[in-house]
PDB file of N, CA and C in Angstrom:
ATOM      1  N   MET A   1     170.321 198.211 342.124  1.00  0.00           N
ATOM      2  CA  MET A   1     169.576 197.517 342.841  1.00  0.00           C
ATOM      3  C   MET A   1     169.768 196.803 343.565  1.00  0.00           C
ATOM      4  N   ARG A   2     169.318 195.783 344.203  1.00  0.00           N
ATOM      5  CA  ARG A   2     169.677 194.650 345.300  1.00  0.00           C
ATOM      6  C   ARG A   2     170.522 193.402 344.813  1.00  0.00           C
ATOM      7  N   GLY A   3     171.193 193.250 345.454  1.00  0.00           N
ATOM      8  CA  GLY A   3     171.494 191.570 345.482  1.00  0.00           C
ATOM      9  C   GLY A   3     170.864 190.662 345.042  1.00  0.00           C
ATOM     10  N   PHE A   4     170.892 189.205 344.348  1.00  0.00           N
ATOM     11  CA  PHE A   4     170.157 188.600 344.154  1.00  0.00           C
ATOM     12  C   PHE A   4     169.687 187.455 345.658  1.00  0.00           C
ATOM     13  N   SER A   5     170.055 187.732 346.663  1.00  0.00           N
ATOM     14  CA  SER A   5     169.722 186.863 347.572  1.00  0.00           C
ATOM     15  C   SER A   5     168.996 188.043 348.363  1.00  0.00           C
ATOM     16  N   ASN A   6     169.052 189.214 348.291  1.00  0.00           N
ATOM     17  CA  ASN A   6     167.759 190.199 349.103  1.00  0.00           C
ATOM     18  C   ASN A   6     166.674 189.816 348.358  1.00  0.00           C
ATOM     19  N   VAL A   7     166.906 189.917 346.642  1.00  0.00           N
ATOM     20  CA  VAL A   7     165.442 189.736 345.719  1.00  0.00           C
ATOM     21  C   VAL A   7     165.087 188.353 346.242  1.00  0.00           C
ATOM     22  N   VAL A   8     165.573 187.474 345.947  1.00  0.00           N
ATOM     23  CA  VAL A   8     165.055 186.011 346.479  1.00  0.00           C
ATOM     24  C   VAL A   8     164.280 186.246 347.890  1.00  0.00           C
ATOM     25  N   ALA A   9     164.657 186.870 348.790  1.00  0.00           N
ATOM     26  CA  ALA A   9     164.537 186.914 350.388  1.00  0.00           C
ATOM     27  C   ALA A   9     162.990 187.527 350.146  1.00  0.00           C
ATOM     28  N   ALA A  10     163.115 188.715 349.452  1.00  0.00           N
ATOM     29  CA  ALA A  10     161.712 190.184 349.351  1.00  0.00           C
ATOM     30  C   ALA A  10     160.882 189.154 348.606  1.00  0.00           C
ATOM     31  N   VAL A  11     161.244 188.407 347.297  1.00  0.00           N
ATOM     32  CA  VAL A  11     159.986 187.148 346.620  1.00  0.00           C
ATOM     33  C   VAL A  11     159.535 186.434 347.993  1.00  0.00           C
ATOM     34  N   GLN A  12     160.578 185.799 348.700  1.00  0.00           N
ATOM     35  CA  GLN A  12     159.823 184.792 349.821  1.00  0.00           C
ATOM     36  C   GLN A  12     159.064 185.804 350.475  1.00  0.00           C
ATOM     37  N   ALA A  13     159.226 186.601 351.335  1.00  0.00           N
ATOM     38  CA  ALA A  13     158.588 187.622 352.079  1.00  0.00           C
ATOM     39  C   ALA A  13     157.040 187.812 351.577  1.00  0.00           C
ATOM     40  N   GLU A  14     157.148 187.847 350.552  1.00  0.00           N
ATOM     41  CA  GLU A  14     155.931 188.604 349.469  1.00  0.00           C
ATOM     42  C   GLU A  14     154.759 187.080 349.475  1.00  0.00           C
ATOM     43  N   LEU A  15     155.829 186.156 349.312  1.00  0.00           N
ATOM     44  CA  LEU A  15     154.863 184.931 348.699  1.00  0.00           C
ATOM     45  C   LEU A  15     154.197 184.669 350.008  1.00  0.00           C
ATOM     46  N   ASP A  16     154.719 184.565 351.743  1.00  0.00           N
ATOM     47  CA  ASP A  16     154.321 184.213 352.520  1.00  0.00           C
ATOM     48  C   ASP A  16     153.340 184.697 352.493  1.00  0.00           C
ATOM     49  N   ARG A  17     153.700 186.632 352.618  1.00  0.00           N
ATOM     50  CA  ARG A  17     152.655 187.388 352.722  1.00  0.00           C
ATOM     51  C   ARG A  17     151.237 187.243 351.816  1.00  0.00           C
ATOM     52  N   ALA A  18     151.232 186.951 351.180  1.00  0.00           N
ATOM     53  CA  ALA A  18     150.516 186.631 349.752  1.00  0.00           C
ATOM     54  C   ALA A  18     149.346 185.402 350.318  1.00  0.00           C
ATOM     55  N   ARG A  19     150.107 184.119 350.845  1.00  0.00           N
ATOM     56  CA  ARG A  19     149.652 183.189 351.057  1.00  0.00           C
ATOM     57  C   ARG A  19     148.648 183.323 352.113  1.00  0.00           C
ATOM     58  N   VAL A  20     149.033 183.638 353.175  1.00  0.00           N
ATOM     59  CA  VAL A  20     148.194 184.424 354.128  1.00  0.00           C
ATOM     60  C   VAL A  20     147.224 185.177 354.127  1.00  0.00           C
ATOM     61  N   LYS A  21     147.525 186.200 353.201  1.00  0.00           N
ATOM     62  CA  LYS A  21     146.272 187.702 352.757  1.00  0.00           C
ATOM     63  C   LYS A  21     145.523 186.749 351.900  1.00  0.00           C
ATOM     64  N   HIS A  22     145.864 186.188 351.002  1.00  0.00           N
ATOM     65  CA  HIS A  22     144.864 185.335 350.005  1.00  0.00           C
ATOM     66  C   HIS A  22     144.915 183.900 349.943  1.00  0.00           C
ATOM     67  N   PRO A  23     144.400 183.226 351.080  1.00  0.00           N
ATOM     68  CA  PRO A  23     144.860 181.948 351.248  1.00  0.00           C
ATOM     69  C   PRO A  23     143.639 181.021 350.077  1.00  0.00           C
ATOM     70  N   ASP A  24     143.041 181.175 349.361  1.00  0.00           N
ATOM     71  CA  ASP A  24     141.865 180.474 348.397  1.00  0.00           C
ATOM     72  C   ASP A  24     142.386 180.841 346.980  1.00  0.00           C
ATOM     73  N   TRP A  25     143.964 180.818 347.095  1.00  0.00           N
ATOM     74  CA  TRP A  25     144.594 180.609 345.784  1.00  0.00           C
ATOM     75  C   TRP A  25     143.494 179.357 345.210  1.00  0.00           C
ATOM     76  N   GLU A  26     143.123 179.446 344.047  1.00  0.00           N
ATOM     77  CA  GLU A  26     142.534 178.511 343.506  1.00  0.00           C
ATOM     78  C   GLU A  26     143.536 177.847 341.976  1.00  0.00           C
ATOM     79  N   ALA A  27     144.055 176.936 342.582  1.00  0.00           N
ATOM     80  CA  ALA A  27     145.078 176.188 341.844  1.00  0.00           C
ATOM     81  C   ALA A  27     145.174 175.619 341.415  1.00  0.00           C
ATOM     82  N   ASP A  28     143.612 174.998 341.307  1.00  0.00           N
ATOM     83  CA  ASP A  28     143.492 173.937 340.065  1.00  0.00           C
ATOM     84  C   ASP A  28     142.444 174.996 339.031  1.00  0.00           C
ATOM     85  N   ASP A  29     142.324 176.041 339.158  1.00  0.00           N
ATOM     86  CA  ASP A  29     141.508 177.309 337.737  1.00  0.00           C
ATOM     87  C   ASP A  29     142.725 177.673 337.126  1.00  0.00           C
ATOM     88  N   VAL A  30     143.501 176.859 336.379  1.00  0.00           N
ATOM     89  CA  VAL A  30     144.560 177.630 335.397  1.00  0.00           C
ATOM     90  C   VAL A  30     144.669 179.039 334.997  1.00  0.00           C
ATOM     91  N   VAL A  31     142.952 179.344 334.655  1.00  0.00           N
ATOM     92  CA  VAL A  31     142.835 180.731 333.665  1.00  0.00           C
ATOM     93  C   VAL A  31     142.601 181.592 335.184  1.00  0.00           C
ATOM     94  N   TYR A  32     142.350 181.721 336.164  1.00  0.00           N
ATOM     95  CA  TYR A  32     142.268 182.321 336.947  1.00  0.00           C
ATOM     96  C   TYR A  32     143.735 182.836 337.785  1.00  0.00           C
ATOM     97  N   CYS A  33     144.116 181.833 338.028  1.00  0.00           N
ATOM     98  CA  CYS A  33     145.583 181.568 338.621  1.00  0.00           C
ATOM     99  C   CYS A  33     146.593 182.685 337.263  1.00  0.00           C
ATOM    100  N   ALA A  34     146.289 182.499 336.367  1.00  0.00           N
ATOM    101  CA  ALA A  34     147.084 183.525 335.064  1.00  0.00           C
ATOM    102  C   ALA A  34     146.739 184.592 334.916  1.00  0.00           C
ATOM    103  N   ALA A  35     145.834 184.896 335.493  1.00  0.00           N
ATOM    104  CA  ALA A  35     144.881 185.977 335.468  1.00  0.00           C
ATOM    105  C   ALA A  35     145.279 186.852 336.570  1.00  0.00           C
ATOM    106  N   ILE A  36     145.650 186.559 337.508  1.00  0.00           N
ATOM    107  CA  ILE A  36     145.998 187.192 339.017  1.00  0.00           C
ATOM    108  C   ILE A  36     147.931 187.175 338.544  1.00  0.00           C
ATOM    109  N   VAL A  37     148.233 186.475 337.878  1.00  0.00           N
ATOM    110  CA  VAL A  37     149.902 186.665 337.110  1.00  0.00           C
ATOM    111  C   VAL A  37     149.819 188.004 336.319  1.00  0.00           C
ATOM    112  N   GLY A  38     149.400 188.344 335.406  1.00  0.00           N
ATOM    113  CA  GLY A  38     148.642 189.322 334.573  1.00  0.00           C
ATOM    114  C   GLY A  38     148.341 190.017 334.798  1.00  0.00           C
ATOM    115  N   GLU A  39     147.675 190.564 336.407  1.00  0.00           N
ATOM    116  CA  GLU A  39     147.325 191.328 336.839  1.00  0.00           C
ATOM    117  C   GLU A  39     148.279 192.109 337.476  1.00  0.00           C
ATOM    118  N   GLU A  40     148.911 191.177 338.643  1.00  0.00           N
ATOM    119  CA  GLU A  40     150.389 191.864 338.812  1.00  0.00           C
ATOM    120  C   GLU A  40     151.035 192.610 337.873  1.00  0.00           C
ATOM    121  N   ALA A  41     151.484 191.911 336.425  1.00  0.00           N
ATOM    122  CA  ALA A  41     152.259 192.357 335.831  1.00  0.00           C
ATOM    123  C   ALA A  41     151.813 193.706 335.187  1.00  0.00           C
ATOM    124  N   GLY A  42     150.451 193.939 334.976  1.00  0.00           N
ATOM    125  CA  GLY A  42     149.780 195.198 334.453  1.00  0.00           C
ATOM    126  C   GLY A  42     150.363 196.087 335.617  1.00  0.00           C
ATOM    127  N   GLU A  43     150.117 195.912 336.810  1.00  0.00           N
ATOM    128  CA  GLU A  43     150.505 196.630 337.822  1.00  0.00           C
ATOM    129  C   GLU A  43     152.109 197.243 337.923  1.00  0.00           C
ATOM    130  N   LEU A  44     152.860 196.528 337.929  1.00  0.00           N
ATOM    131  CA  LEU A  44     154.090 196.752 337.288  1.00  0.00           C
ATOM    132  C   LEU A  44     154.419 197.595 336.274  1.00  0.00           C
ATOM    133  N   LEU A  45     153.939 197.001 334.829  1.00  0.00           N
ATOM    134  CA  LEU A  45     153.559 198.154 334.029  1.00  0.00           C
ATOM    135  C   LEU A  45     153.112 199.805 334.131  1.00  0.00           C
ATOM    136  N   LYS A  46     152.365 199.386 335.043  1.00  0.00           N
ATOM    137  CA  LYS A  46     151.727 200.928 335.436  1.00  0.00           C
ATOM    138  C   LYS A  46     152.609 201.698 336.255  1.00  0.00           C
ATOM    139  N   ALA A  47     153.381 201.286 337.260  1.00  0.00           N
ATOM    140  CA  ALA A  47     154.283 201.344 338.073  1.00  0.00           C
ATOM    141  C   ALA A  47     155.285 202.309 337.293  1.00  0.00           C
ATOM    142  N   ALA A  48     155.595 201.392 336.202  1.00  0.00           N
ATOM    143  CA  ALA A  48     156.907 202.067 335.296  1.00  0.00           C
ATOM    144  C   ALA A  48     156.289 202.965 334.406  1.00  0.00           C
ATOM    145  N   VAL A  49     155.293 203.029 334.216  1.00  0.00           N
ATOM    146  CA  VAL A  49     154.925 204.664 333.113  1.00  0.00           C
ATOM    147  C   VAL A  49     154.728 205.511 334.442  1.00  0.00           C
ATOM    148  N   GLN A  50     154.339 205.506 335.456  1.00  0.00           N
ATOM    149  CA  GLN A  50     153.839 206.264 336.441  1.00  0.00           C
ATOM    150  C   GLN A  50     155.599 207.025 336.758  1.00  0.00           C
ATOM    151  N   PHE A  51     156.405 205.604 336.795  1.00  0.00           N
ATOM    152  CA  PHE A  51     158.101 206.393 337.184  1.00  0.00           C
ATOM    153  C   PHE A  51     159.010 206.913 335.777  1.00  0.00           C
ATOM    154  N   ARG A  52     158.027 206.523 334.841  1.00  0.00           N
ATOM    155  CA  ARG A  52     158.832 207.426 333.670  1.00  0.00           C
ATOM    156  C   ARG A  52     158.571 208.940 333.252  1.00  0.00           C
ATOM    157  N   GLY A  53     157.263 208.930 333.586  1.00  0.00           N
ATOM    158  CA  GLY A  53     156.556 210.438 333.105  1.00  0.00           C
ATOM    159  C   GLY A  53     155.713 211.174 334.320  1.00  0.00           C
ATOM    160  N   GLU A  54     155.460 210.586 335.875  1.00  0.00           N
ATOM    161  CA  GLU A  54     153.751 210.722 335.941  1.00  0.00           C
ATOM    162  C   GLU A  54     154.894 211.069 337.835  1.00  0.00           C
ATOM    163  N   GLY A  55     155.754 210.984 337.823  1.00  0.00           N
ATOM    164  CA  GLY A  55     156.351 211.040 339.047  1.00  0.00           C
ATOM    165  C   GLY A  55     156.298 210.145 340.182  1.00  0.00           C
ATOM    166  N   GLY A  56     156.366 208.878 339.318  1.00  0.00           N
ATOM    167  CA  GLY A  56     156.488 207.384 340.500  1.00  0.00           C
ATOM    168  C   GLY A  56     157.276 207.472 340.992  1.00  0.00           C
ATOM    169  N   THR A  57     157.967 206.257 341.760  1.00  0.00           N
ATOM    170  CA  THR A  57     158.839 205.985 342.005  1.00  0.00           C
ATOM    171  C   THR A  57     159.819 204.570 341.804  1.00  0.00           C
ATOM    172  N   MET A  58     161.240 204.338 341.736  1.00  0.00           N
ATOM    173  CA  MET A  58     161.556 203.198 341.478  1.00  0.00           C
ATOM    174  C   MET A  58     161.318 202.022 342.902  1.00  0.00           C
ATOM    175  N   GLU A  59     160.748 202.713 343.681  1.00  0.00           N
ATOM    176  CA  GLU A  59     160.439 201.751 344.558  1.00  0.00           C
ATOM    177  C   GLU A  59     158.896 201.011 344.537  1.00  0.00           C
ATOM    178  N   ALA A  60     158.349 201.979 343.791  1.00  0.00           N
ATOM    179  CA  ALA A  60     157.041 201.583 343.864  1.00  0.00           C
ATOM    180  C   ALA A  60     157.478 200.215 342.455  1.00  0.00           C
ATOM    181  N   CYS A  61     158.098 200.412 341.183  1.00  0.00           N
ATOM    182  CA  CYS A  61     158.701 199.748 340.639  1.00  0.00           C
ATOM    183  C   CYS A  61     158.872 198.148 341.383  1.00  0.00           C
ATOM    184  N   ASP A  62     159.690 198.289 342.076  1.00  0.00           N
ATOM    185  CA  ASP A  62     160.314 197.372 342.582  1.00  0.00           C
ATOM    186  C   ASP A  62     159.386 196.685 343.446  1.00  0.00           C
ATOM    187  N   MET A  63     158.479 197.112 344.108  1.00  0.00           N
ATOM    188  CA  MET A  63     157.436 196.696 344.842  1.00  0.00           C
ATOM    189  C   MET A  63     156.388 195.776 343.932  1.00  0.00           C
ATOM    190  N   GLU A  64     155.728 196.493 342.844  1.00  0.00           N
ATOM    191  CA  GLU A  64     155.502 195.273 342.019  1.00  0.00           C
ATOM    192  C   GLU A  64     156.171 194.043 340.802  1.00  0.00           C
ATOM    193  N   ALA A  65     157.376 194.419 341.098  1.00  0.00           N
ATOM    194  CA  ALA A  65     158.103 193.452 340.563  1.00  0.00           C
ATOM    195  C   ALA A  65     158.243 192.433 341.297  1.00  0.00           C
ATOM    196  N   ILE A  66     158.226 192.806 342.912  1.00  0.00           N
ATOM    197  CA  ILE A  66     158.649 191.866 343.699  1.00  0.00           C
ATOM    198  C   ILE A  66     156.974 191.065 343.785  1.00  0.00           C
ATOM    199  N   GLN A  67     155.809 191.522 343.805  1.00  0.00           N
ATOM    200  CA  GLN A  67     154.745 190.928 343.861  1.00  0.00           C
ATOM    201  C   GLN A  67     154.222 190.407 342.375  1.00  0.00           C
ATOM    202  N   THR A  68     155.021 190.461 341.523  1.00  0.00           N
ATOM    203  CA  THR A  68     154.652 190.015 340.153  1.00  0.00           C
ATOM    204  C   THR A  68     155.621 188.559 340.332  1.00  0.00           C
ATOM    205  N   ALA A  69     156.788 188.379 340.985  1.00  0.00           N
ATOM    206  CA  ALA A  69     157.685 187.094 340.604  1.00  0.00           C
ATOM    207  C   ALA A  69     156.846 186.377 341.817  1.00  0.00           C
ATOM    208  N   ALA A  70     156.402 186.787 343.050  1.00  0.00           N
ATOM    209  CA  ALA A  70     155.512 186.176 343.790  1.00  0.00           C
ATOM    210  C   ALA A  70     154.757 185.330 343.645  1.00  0.00           C
ATOM    211  N   THR A  71     153.640 185.775 342.725  1.00  0.00           N
ATOM    212  CA  THR A  71     152.271 185.659 341.807  1.00  0.00           C
ATOM    213  C   THR A  71     152.931 184.703 341.025  1.00  0.00           C
ATOM    214  N   CYS A  72     154.103 184.635 340.010  1.00  0.00           N
ATOM    215  CA  CYS A  72     154.806 183.361 339.453  1.00  0.00           C
ATOM    216  C   CYS A  72     155.238 182.360 340.251  1.00  0.00           C
ATOM    217  N   PHE A  73     155.589 182.685 340.929  1.00  0.00           N
ATOM    218  CA  PHE A  73     156.133 181.440 341.806  1.00  0.00           C
ATOM    219  C   PHE A  73     154.865 180.834 342.493  1.00  0.00           C
ATOM    220  N   ARG A  74     153.732 181.197 342.856  1.00  0.00           N
ATOM    221  CA  ARG A  74     152.800 180.435 343.753  1.00  0.00           C
ATOM    222  C   ARG A  74     151.944 180.122 342.250  1.00  0.00           C
ATOM    223  N   PHE A  75     151.779 180.472 341.116  1.00  0.00           N
ATOM    224  CA  PHE A  75     151.240 179.840 340.133  1.00  0.00           C
ATOM    225  C   PHE A  75     152.203 178.686 339.735  1.00  0.00           C
ATOM    226  N   LEU A  76     153.309 178.627 339.435  1.00  0.00           N
ATOM    227  CA  LEU A  76     154.413 177.348 339.210  1.00  0.00           C
ATOM    228  C   LEU A  76     154.219 176.571 340.599  1.00  0.00           C
ATOM    229  N   MET A  77     154.043 176.752 341.644  1.00  0.00           N
ATOM    230  CA  MET A  77     153.602 176.151 342.650  1.00  0.00           C
ATOM    231  C   MET A  77     152.288 175.219 342.996  1.00  0.00           C
ATOM    232  N   ARG A  78     151.913 175.884 342.087  1.00  0.00           N
ATOM    233  CA  ARG A  78     149.950 175.644 342.264  1.00  0.00           C
ATOM    234  C   ARG A  78     149.830 175.821 343.349  1.00  0.00           C
ATOM    235  N   GLY A  79     150.055 176.976 344.412  1.00  0.00           N
ATOM    236  CA  GLY A  79     149.079 177.317 345.322  1.00  0.00           C
ATOM    237  C   GLY A  79     149.921 178.639 346.385  1.00  0.00           C
TER     238      GLY A  79
END
């Protein structure tokens, strides 16, 4: 795995990308925001299952974890 600073940089880059791609984050709708976090976590779980037994890659798991972390930060930052 990568070092802490590399992980933080990857999450920051994903957060920046997500803000551009999805500018209409409904920060006041806590259920909507939590659902997006849950969706990303589900994609991470799917990638992990695929890695474990279906020929998936650790890189796909890492990418989904980065997206999940970025979404968690977006939730916490309210936007």
